[in-house]
Protein backbone atom coordinates (compact mmCIF):
# COMPACT_ATOMS: atom_id res chain seq x y z
CA MET A 1 -4.07 17.47 13.04
CA ARG A 2 -2.15 15.20 11.12
CA SER A 3 -0.79 17.88 9.49
CA THR A 4 0.46 19.45 12.46
CA LEU A 5 1.77 16.52 14.24
CA ALA A 6 3.90 15.40 10.97
CA GLY A 7 5.55 19.08 11.07
CA LEU A 8 6.21 18.90 14.49
CA LEU A 9 7.66 15.73 14.34
CA SER A 10 10.08 16.99 11.54
CA LEU A 11 11.35 19.51 13.01
CA CYS A 12 11.99 17.80 16.42
CA TRP A 13 13.41 14.54 15.37
CA LEU A 14 17.38 14.58 14.48
CA LEU A 15 17.44 12.64 11.11
CA VAL A 16 20.00 9.58 11.00
CA ALA A 17 21.37 9.48 7.32
CA GLY A 18 22.13 6.55 6.01
CA CYS A 19 20.70 4.48 9.20
CA GLY A 20 22.98 1.40 8.77
CA ARG A 21 22.55 -0.74 12.15
CA CYS A 22 21.51 1.95 14.10
CA GLU A 23 23.15 1.10 17.07
CA ALA A 24 23.29 4.31 18.74
CA PRO A 25 20.22 6.20 20.62
CA THR A 26 18.71 9.09 18.36
CA PRO A 27 17.31 11.95 20.59
CA GLY A 28 13.75 12.87 19.77
CA LEU A 29 10.85 11.15 22.31
CA GLU A 30 10.99 11.77 26.10
CA TYR A 31 10.56 8.56 28.11
CA LEU A 32 7.98 9.44 30.78
CA GLY A 33 7.28 6.13 32.40
CA GLN A 34 5.48 2.74 32.24
CA ILE A 35 3.25 0.79 34.36
CA HIS A 36 2.77 -2.85 34.43
CA LEU A 37 -0.46 -5.22 34.91
CA PRO A 38 0.00 -7.80 37.72
CA SER A 39 1.35 -11.27 36.63
CA ASN A 40 -1.76 -13.91 35.91
CA THR A 41 -4.49 -10.91 35.65
CA THR A 42 -7.93 -11.91 35.13
CA PHE A 43 -10.55 -10.09 33.67
CA ASP A 44 -14.25 -11.49 33.31
CA GLY A 45 -13.09 -15.01 32.96
CA THR A 46 -10.31 -14.46 30.64
CA ALA A 47 -6.66 -14.54 31.15
CA VAL A 48 -5.02 -10.96 30.03
CA GLY A 49 -2.16 -11.41 28.24
CA GLY A 50 -0.61 -11.31 24.74
CA LEU A 51 -1.28 -8.03 23.80
CA SER A 52 0.06 -7.19 20.52
CA GLY A 53 -1.74 -4.48 19.20
CA ILE A 54 -3.35 -1.15 20.24
CA SER A 55 -5.17 1.82 19.34
CA TYR A 56 -6.81 5.04 21.08
CA ASP A 57 -10.56 6.29 21.10
CA PRO A 58 -9.93 10.11 21.96
CA GLY A 59 -13.97 10.39 21.94
CA ARG A 60 -13.95 7.86 25.13
CA ASP A 61 -10.18 8.14 26.53
CA CYS A 62 -9.65 4.92 26.22
CA TYR A 63 -7.71 1.89 24.35
CA TYR A 64 -8.50 -1.09 22.54
CA VAL A 65 -6.01 -3.98 22.71
CA ILE A 66 -6.14 -6.74 21.23
CA SER A 67 -4.69 -9.90 22.47
CA ASP A 68 -2.75 -12.71 20.18
CA ASP A 69 -4.39 -15.53 22.18
CA ARG A 70 -5.18 -18.38 19.22
CA SER A 71 -8.63 -19.13 21.29
CA ALA A 72 -6.14 -21.47 23.36
CA LYS A 73 -7.14 -19.46 26.85
CA GLY A 74 -10.29 -17.87 25.39
CA PRO A 75 -11.93 -17.12 22.20
CA ALA A 76 -9.95 -14.81 20.43
CA ARG A 77 -10.74 -11.21 21.93
CA PHE A 78 -9.73 -7.29 22.69
CA TYR A 79 -9.90 -5.61 25.90
CA THR A 80 -10.89 -1.92 26.60
CA VAL A 81 -7.96 -0.58 28.39
CA ARG A 82 -8.06 3.08 30.30
CA LEU A 83 -4.54 4.68 31.10
CA SER A 84 -3.82 7.78 33.61
CA VAL A 85 -1.43 9.34 31.03
CA SER A 86 0.66 12.18 32.66
CA ASP A 87 3.63 14.23 32.28
CA ARG A 88 4.41 11.67 35.00
CA GLY A 89 3.88 8.64 32.91
CA VAL A 90 1.17 6.17 33.58
CA ASP A 91 -0.54 6.67 36.93
CA ASP A 92 -2.94 3.67 36.63
CA VAL A 93 -4.13 1.02 34.39
CA THR A 94 -7.51 -0.58 34.57
CA ILE A 95 -9.42 -2.93 32.26
CA SER A 96 -12.80 -1.88 31.81
CA ALA A 97 -14.26 -4.63 29.47
CA VAL A 98 -13.26 -7.25 26.85
CA HIS A 99 -15.53 -8.62 23.80
CA SER A 100 -14.82 -11.67 21.90
CA LEU A 101 -14.02 -11.24 18.12
CA LEU A 102 -16.93 -13.00 16.27
CA ASP A 103 -16.97 -14.58 12.75
CA GLU A 104 -19.20 -14.62 10.04
CA ARG A 105 -22.11 -16.62 12.09
CA GLY A 106 -21.91 -14.39 14.80
CA ALA A 107 -19.99 -16.72 17.27
CA PRO A 108 -16.62 -16.72 18.86
CA PHE A 109 -13.57 -18.55 17.63
CA GLY A 110 -13.22 -21.88 19.42
CA PRO A 111 -9.81 -23.62 20.06
CA ARG A 112 -8.16 -25.21 17.06
CA SER A 113 -8.98 -28.55 16.10
CA PHE A 114 -6.40 -29.82 13.42
CA GLY A 115 -7.53 -33.40 13.46
CA SER A 116 -11.08 -32.52 12.81
CA SER A 117 -12.92 -32.55 9.05
CA PRO A 118 -12.39 -29.88 8.25
CA PRO A 119 -9.95 -28.39 10.86
CA VAL A 120 -10.32 -25.82 13.13
CA ILE A 121 -8.34 -22.94 12.44
CA PRO A 122 -8.25 -19.59 15.07
CA PRO A 123 -7.20 -16.58 13.96
CA ASP A 124 -3.78 -15.43 15.34
CA PRO A 125 -5.02 -11.92 15.92
CA GLU A 126 -2.00 -9.09 15.75
CA GLY A 127 -3.39 -5.80 14.88
CA ILE A 128 -6.01 -3.49 15.85
CA ALA A 129 -6.79 0.10 14.56
CA PHE A 130 -9.74 2.17 15.65
CA ASP A 131 -12.08 4.14 13.34
CA GLY A 132 -13.46 7.14 14.86
CA GLY A 133 -15.44 8.28 11.98
CA ARG A 134 -17.28 4.90 11.50
CA GLN A 135 -17.20 3.95 15.51
CA ARG A 136 -15.31 0.50 14.54
CA LEU A 137 -12.28 -1.50 14.43
CA TYR A 138 -10.28 -3.17 12.19
CA TRP A 139 -8.28 -5.77 13.16
CA SER A 140 -5.49 -8.34 11.51
CA SER A 141 -4.52 -12.10 12.02
CA GLU A 142 -1.55 -13.84 10.65
CA GLY A 143 -3.40 -16.93 9.95
CA GLU A 144 -1.24 -20.18 10.00
CA ARG A 145 0.97 -22.53 7.88
CA LEU A 146 1.77 -25.89 8.99
CA THR A 147 3.08 -28.69 6.47
CA ASP A 148 4.38 -31.29 8.67
CA GLY A 149 1.36 -32.11 10.65
CA PRO A 150 0.08 -35.56 10.83
CA HIS A 151 -3.42 -34.66 8.68
CA GLY A 152 -1.26 -33.10 6.17
CA PRO A 153 -0.98 -29.10 5.84
CA VAL A 154 -2.96 -26.62 7.40
CA LEU A 155 -2.98 -23.34 5.78
CA ALA A 156 -5.28 -20.09 6.67
CA ASP A 157 -4.61 -16.95 5.06
CA PRO A 158 -3.75 -13.87 6.85
CA TRP A 159 -6.74 -11.51 7.25
CA VAL A 160 -7.99 -7.90 7.67
CA ARG A 161 -11.30 -7.94 9.13
CA ILE A 162 -13.87 -5.31 10.52
CA ALA A 163 -15.71 -5.24 13.81
CA GLY A 164 -18.30 -3.45 15.46
CA LEU A 165 -17.15 -1.78 19.04
CA ASP A 166 -19.01 -5.39 20.45
CA GLY A 167 -17.04 -7.73 18.43
CA SER A 168 -19.26 -8.28 16.19
CA TYR A 169 -18.37 -9.03 12.20
CA LEU A 170 -18.58 -6.53 9.51
CA GLY A 171 -16.80 -7.58 6.82
CA GLN A 172 -13.07 -8.23 5.66
CA PHE A 173 -10.88 -6.95 3.07
CA ALA A 174 -9.42 -8.75 0.05
CA MET A 175 -5.51 -10.06 0.33
CA PRO A 176 -3.09 -9.71 -2.40
CA PRO A 177 -2.04 -13.02 -3.79
CA GLU A 178 1.68 -12.70 -2.66
CA LEU A 179 -0.27 -12.95 0.92
CA ALA A 180 -1.62 -16.36 0.26
CA MET A 181 -0.44 -19.18 2.18
CA SER A 182 1.14 -21.99 0.32
CA ALA A 183 2.35 -25.36 1.20
CA GLN A 184 5.18 -24.59 -1.00
CA LEU A 185 8.47 -22.80 -0.18
CA SER A 186 6.39 -19.57 -1.83
CA GLY A 187 4.08 -17.12 0.09
CA PRO A 188 4.38 -15.96 3.46
CA ARG A 189 6.08 -17.59 6.53
CA ARG A 190 4.60 -19.29 9.24
CA ASN A 191 3.97 -16.20 12.12
CA THR A 192 5.57 -13.41 10.44
CA THR A 193 2.62 -12.03 8.31
CA LEU A 194 -0.03 -9.43 9.05
CA GLU A 195 1.49 -8.13 12.24
CA GLY A 196 1.01 -3.98 12.09
CA LEU A 197 -2.09 -1.98 11.02
CA THR A 198 -2.67 1.38 11.23
CA LEU A 199 -5.97 4.11 9.95
CA THR A 200 -4.71 7.63 8.98
CA ALA A 201 -6.53 10.28 11.04
CA ASP A 202 -9.19 11.23 8.02
CA GLY A 203 -10.32 7.43 7.94
CA ARG A 204 -8.99 7.09 4.07
CA LEU A 205 -6.37 4.70 4.13
CA LEU A 206 -5.70 1.65 5.91
CA PHE A 207 -2.13 0.23 6.19
CA ALA A 208 -1.65 -3.61 6.99
CA ALA A 209 2.42 -4.45 7.89
CA MET A 210 3.99 -7.89 7.61
CA GLU A 211 5.98 -8.68 10.07
CA GLY A 212 9.05 -10.36 8.00
CA PRO A 213 9.69 -11.26 4.16
CA GLY A 214 7.45 -13.72 2.67
CA TYR A 215 9.91 -16.95 1.45
CA ASP A 216 10.01 -14.97 -2.49
CA ASP A 217 11.13 -12.00 -0.55
CA GLY A 218 14.42 -12.75 0.67
CA ALA A 219 16.20 -14.39 4.00
CA PRO A 220 14.71 -13.08 7.29
CA PRO A 221 17.05 -10.86 8.88
CA ASP A 222 20.07 -11.85 10.46
CA GLN A 223 23.08 -10.17 12.69
CA VAL A 224 24.66 -9.30 9.26
CA HIS A 225 21.54 -8.66 6.64
CA GLY A 226 18.57 -6.69 6.76
CA ALA A 227 15.43 -7.63 5.04
CA LEU A 228 12.52 -6.17 2.63
CA THR A 229 9.12 -6.45 4.08
CA ARG A 230 5.67 -5.32 2.48
CA ILE A 231 3.26 -2.67 4.06
CA THR A 232 -0.20 -2.95 2.10
CA ALA A 233 -2.48 0.46 1.31
CA TYR A 234 -6.14 0.03 1.15
CA ARG A 235 -8.48 3.18 0.34
CA LEU A 236 -11.70 3.21 2.32
CA ASP A 237 -14.74 4.85 0.56
CA ALA A 238 -16.76 7.27 2.05
CA HIS A 239 -18.64 4.01 4.06
CA GLY A 240 -15.91 2.75 4.60
CA ASP A 241 -16.56 -0.40 2.48
CA PRO A 242 -13.53 -2.94 2.56
CA GLY A 243 -11.89 -3.39 -0.71
CA ALA A 244 -8.94 -4.27 -3.02
CA PRO A 245 -5.34 -3.00 -1.85
CA VAL A 246 -4.56 -0.03 -3.73
CA ALA A 247 -0.71 0.06 -3.44
CA GLN A 248 2.01 -1.92 -1.68
CA TYR A 249 5.40 -0.84 -0.45
CA ALA A 250 8.73 -2.52 0.80
CA TYR A 251 9.98 -1.89 4.29
CA PRO A 252 13.75 -1.99 4.98
CA LEU A 253 14.22 -4.18 8.37
CA GLU A 254 17.49 -3.76 10.27
CA PRO A 255 19.55 -6.62 10.92
CA ALA A 256 19.50 -8.15 14.15
CA THR A 257 20.87 -6.67 17.19
CA PRO A 258 23.18 -9.37 18.93
CA PRO A 259 22.49 -11.88 20.90
CA THR A 260 19.28 -11.71 19.45
CA GLU A 261 18.97 -13.63 15.51
CA THR A 262 16.26 -12.05 14.00
CA ASN A 263 14.24 -8.59 13.80
CA GLY A 264 10.62 -7.88 12.76
CA LEU A 265 8.15 -5.26 12.19
CA THR A 266 5.36 -5.51 15.28
CA ASP A 267 3.13 -2.29 14.77
CA LEU A 268 3.26 0.99 13.02
CA VAL A 269 1.15 3.88 13.58
CA ALA A 270 0.43 6.47 10.90
CA LEU A 271 1.03 9.79 11.34
CA SER A 272 -0.38 10.80 7.72
CA ASP A 273 -0.87 9.20 4.53
CA THR A 274 2.90 8.66 3.99
CA ALA A 275 4.32 8.82 7.44
CA PHE A 276 4.71 6.34 10.02
CA LEU A 277 5.92 5.45 13.86
CA VAL A 278 7.49 2.10 13.35
CA ILE A 279 8.27 -0.54 15.96
CA GLU A 280 10.89 -3.08 15.02
CA ARG A 281 11.83 -5.78 17.43
CA ALA A 282 13.99 -8.61 17.96
CA PHE A 283 12.96 -10.78 20.75
CA SER A 284 14.99 -12.61 23.11
CA ALA A 285 15.80 -12.94 27.24
CA ARG A 286 16.08 -8.95 26.63
CA PRO A 287 14.24 -7.64 23.82
CA ALA A 288 15.86 -5.26 21.15
CA VAL A 289 13.36 -2.55 20.22
CA ARG A 290 13.77 0.38 18.09
CA LEU A 291 11.16 3.23 17.04
CA PHE A 292 11.66 4.37 13.56
CA ARG A 293 9.81 7.10 11.49
CA ALA A 294 8.88 5.92 8.46
CA GLU A 295 8.33 7.71 4.79
CA ILE A 296 6.83 6.24 1.80
CA GLY A 297 8.34 9.00 -0.17
CA ASP A 298 9.68 7.48 -3.60
CA ALA A 299 9.20 3.96 -2.89
CA THR A 300 8.46 1.70 -5.71
CA ASP A 301 4.64 0.15 -5.42
CA VAL A 302 5.30 -3.55 -5.55
CA LEU A 303 1.76 -4.42 -5.33
CA GLY A 304 1.36 -7.45 -7.27
CA VAL A 305 5.01 -8.38 -7.55
CA PRO A 306 5.35 -11.68 -6.37
CA ALA A 307 8.95 -11.74 -5.61
CA LEU A 308 11.11 -8.73 -4.24
CA ALA A 309 14.56 -10.95 -3.89
CA GLY A 310 16.89 -9.73 -6.74
CA ARG A 311 14.47 -7.04 -7.87
CA THR A 312 15.75 -3.68 -8.23
CA LEU A 313 13.63 -1.26 -6.55
CA THR A 314 12.91 1.89 -4.22
CA PRO A 315 11.96 0.69 -0.34
CA MET A 316 10.52 2.98 2.01
CA THR A 317 12.70 5.51 3.58
CA LYS A 318 13.24 5.41 7.61
CA THR A 319 14.96 7.40 10.15
CA LEU A 320 15.83 5.84 13.84
CA LEU A 321 14.16 7.79 16.55
CA ALA A 322 14.71 5.89 20.07
CA ASP A 323 16.38 2.74 20.61
CA LEU A 324 14.05 1.61 23.61
CA SER A 325 17.05 -0.81 24.85
CA ALA A 326 19.13 1.86 25.48
CA THR A 327 16.62 4.48 26.90
CA PRO A 328 17.33 5.53 30.19
CA GLY A 329 14.83 4.52 32.85
CA LEU A 330 13.13 2.28 30.81
CA ASP A 331 13.53 -1.18 32.41
CA PRO A 332 12.33 -3.88 32.25
CA LEU A 333 11.73 -3.46 28.70
CA ASP A 334 10.04 -6.58 27.37
CA ASN A 335 8.45 -7.90 24.23
CA ILE A 336 7.08 -4.37 22.72
CA GLU A 337 4.41 -5.31 19.98
CA GLY A 338 1.93 -2.35 19.91
CA ILE A 339 2.04 1.67 19.56
CA THR A 340 -0.74 4.08 19.20
CA LEU A 341 -1.07 7.84 19.46
CA GLY A 342 -2.35 9.13 22.91
CA PRO A 343 -3.69 11.71 24.16
CA ARG A 344 -1.93 15.36 24.47
CA LEU A 345 -0.53 16.77 27.86
CA PRO A 346 -1.70 19.53 28.95
CA ASP A 347 1.29 21.58 28.07
CA GLY A 348 0.46 20.36 24.35
CA ARG A 349 2.80 17.50 23.81
CA GLN A 350 2.06 14.52 21.91
CA THR A 351 2.04 11.03 23.84
CA VAL A 352 2.91 7.74 22.38
CA VAL A 353 1.77 4.73 24.08
CA LEU A 354 3.07 1.20 23.48
CA VAL A 355 2.34 -2.06 25.07
CA SER A 356 4.24 -5.50 25.31
CA ASP A 357 3.00 -9.11 25.05
CA ASP A 358 4.18 -11.02 27.59
CA ASN A 359 3.45 -14.15 25.69
CA PHE A 360 1.37 -15.52 28.76
CA SER A 361 4.80 -16.31 30.54
CA PRO A 362 5.50 -15.62 34.18
CA ARG A 363 8.61 -14.73 33.06
CA GLN A 364 7.50 -11.85 31.18
CA VAL A 365 5.60 -8.67 31.76
CA THR A 366 2.63 -6.95 30.35
CA GLN A 367 3.37 -2.88 30.38
CA PHE A 368 2.38 0.52 29.25
CA VAL A 369 5.16 2.55 28.13
CA VAL A 370 4.54 6.17 27.26
CA PHE A 371 6.98 8.75 25.60
CA ALA A 372 6.18 12.23 24.79
CA VAL A 373 7.21 14.19 21.54
CA PRO A 374 9.20 17.21 22.78
CA ALA A 375 7.06 20.69 21.87
CA ALA A 376 8.90 22.77 18.75
């Protein structure tokens, strides 16, 4: 299925040589529709919001959707969501379960307390990936970096952890040293670390993507310049045991689209071992959201390279697939942060499902957006 999908996408998508600012929408995906959760939705005593990652379970025809609530409105958690997807879009959305993500002791994460000793630093959940072969989940946290607090620096490294479908703790992957938080102007910036997470269809490779560049990798994107961020690859053994990273690649972020001031990678989904759909999003009163097909190709392996700034390297290549900000009928468009491959339609077309993070704000919406890959 992986190779078939990759071939189909290669046939269907219009290549854009030298993407540049990628301001013009590119044909390639058919917008089917969207559905919103009602404002202030609650489920089983939790506030449903901050949905920043999504992964499809085809066996159960459901989606696992992670909230980026830093255990402020409830323990770190993910939801099981059912969507009625058809060629008309999304006809219905139902939340069927919520599970707390548990720590090594088997306990939910509590709210932060920087003044305690030691400080309590809950995770900042962002990415989620379902492993159908092993029936478990992988999830990422952006960690924490505060250097000017009254009690001194507060540092927590980003992570990728393994969870059971009930949220139980099953293990943790080793992080490369360039992702370690520092009180100095080195390592990752706050709130721009592990944002995207995806597993290949065969369950052999896990990819974790940073939202933006670390201090050593250059300035964040602005309206004039793009930037390089990092995507880290992990190889899972037959049992899926966590291990050290095996490769890392530089991904080129686009400059920000005015009036937004910056741009970042919010999620990705693997099409094969070397090809991905990638969301880039610049957040403002009206977010700018673009969807790219990215390829590793001849990209330089930068694992162990402490700084990308000023270094000669070959980044991943990418092709603009859709500018969601210019997609007819897609209104409103909110803070899209999650992407997954959904079910196939009766005519065989592959669906692509996205979810937005409403930041728990009454001025924003939680939306599920569905596209279809045109038939060859």
